[in-house]
Amino acid sequence: MNRNGLIKHIELHKSKLGSLTKVADRCKINVGALSTIMAGKYGADESAMLQKIAKALEYRESDWQIIRTTGNYKTVERVFRDAKSESMWFTISNKAGSGKTEAMQDLYNRDTTGTVIFIQAEEWSGRQFMLKLIEKTLGTSEGGTAYNTTGKGYKSLSQLMDIVANYFNDMSLERPILIIDEADKLKAPALRTLIPLFNRTEDRLGVILSGTENLEKEIKNNVRLNKKGYDELESRFGRTYIHLKGASEKDVTEICKVNGITVPEVITQIWIEMEKVSKLTTFKSGTGTKDGMVAYVEDFRRLKRLIKRELLMKRAA
């Protein structure tokens, strides 16, 4: 593990959460032990502790370089800025592998204000979803949050919602934003919790719901079938779904170059191997702007794999 990279990640979370103590709480370790590790004076074999910290703070090592000038990234960034500055709710629904997660994770990592919450959804119930949000926002363990202050019985879903809503409302002047990635995995009861969350935080919290094209398909289909809560849910996102075009040939060239592929013939071969879709696009020309068909690649994972293949061949030569 890159120790220096993890230490920088800890410092980033210290800025986000406000103190090293809160970082230690999220990692479920003693703040003294965390301070000692950061100073390089832990003494004992620290590998197990570093792994625990990395897991808690979702630290991942990668030498892959992100390009922030691609059309997809700029679209996600624009949605992010609008959601944050205007406390608006948006839905991004696009094919898997289009770079949504990578862009949003990068925007989250670049934030040092502590006002951005990023969560990757799973097949959670409404209660599980609320508990995960509380864990992400307050760093509180599920067990401690689930019980009433008397220690008798579980808190209701409404009480858990109050905790989440109050957290965001308390920081409303700082324009908080909640990013829910892979939202199409959420069960219907979890999606429905967004309705009261909107009601209790309207104009004080921005939200981005992101998922595959199934997210849009499922919501629209359930609105048509008059399924409970779906019409209310869709209305809160303005009944609008944001789609990403993909990477143009220029984007692919830039991605290749920044990640170590600089030979023009190799870049051209990678472009040829990628499946492409032509889309009507407005772009600048010498006489102003005009519309035309432009080829895009939509599978960024495939692009990444081809680039890494070439890098491996280069090293083996």
Foldseek 3Di string as FASTA:
>chain_A
DPLVQLLVLLVLVCLQVVHLCQLCLLLVHHSVCVVCVSVVNNPPPCPVVSVSSCVSSVPDDDPQDDDCPFQQLVVLVVLVVCCQVFVAEAEAAAAPQQCNVVSVVVVVSPDRNNQEFEDEDAADAQQVLLLVLCCRNRVDHSVVQQADPVRPHGDDSVVSLCSNLVSQQVCLVNRHEYEYEQQVRYDPNNLLSVLVSCVSQPRRYGYYYYHYNVVLVVLVVCVVVVPPRSVSSCVRNVVDYDYTQAGFLVRLQVSLVVSPNPDVVLSVVLVVPADWDWDWDWDADPVGIDIDTTIHGRRNVSSVVSSVVVVVVVVVD
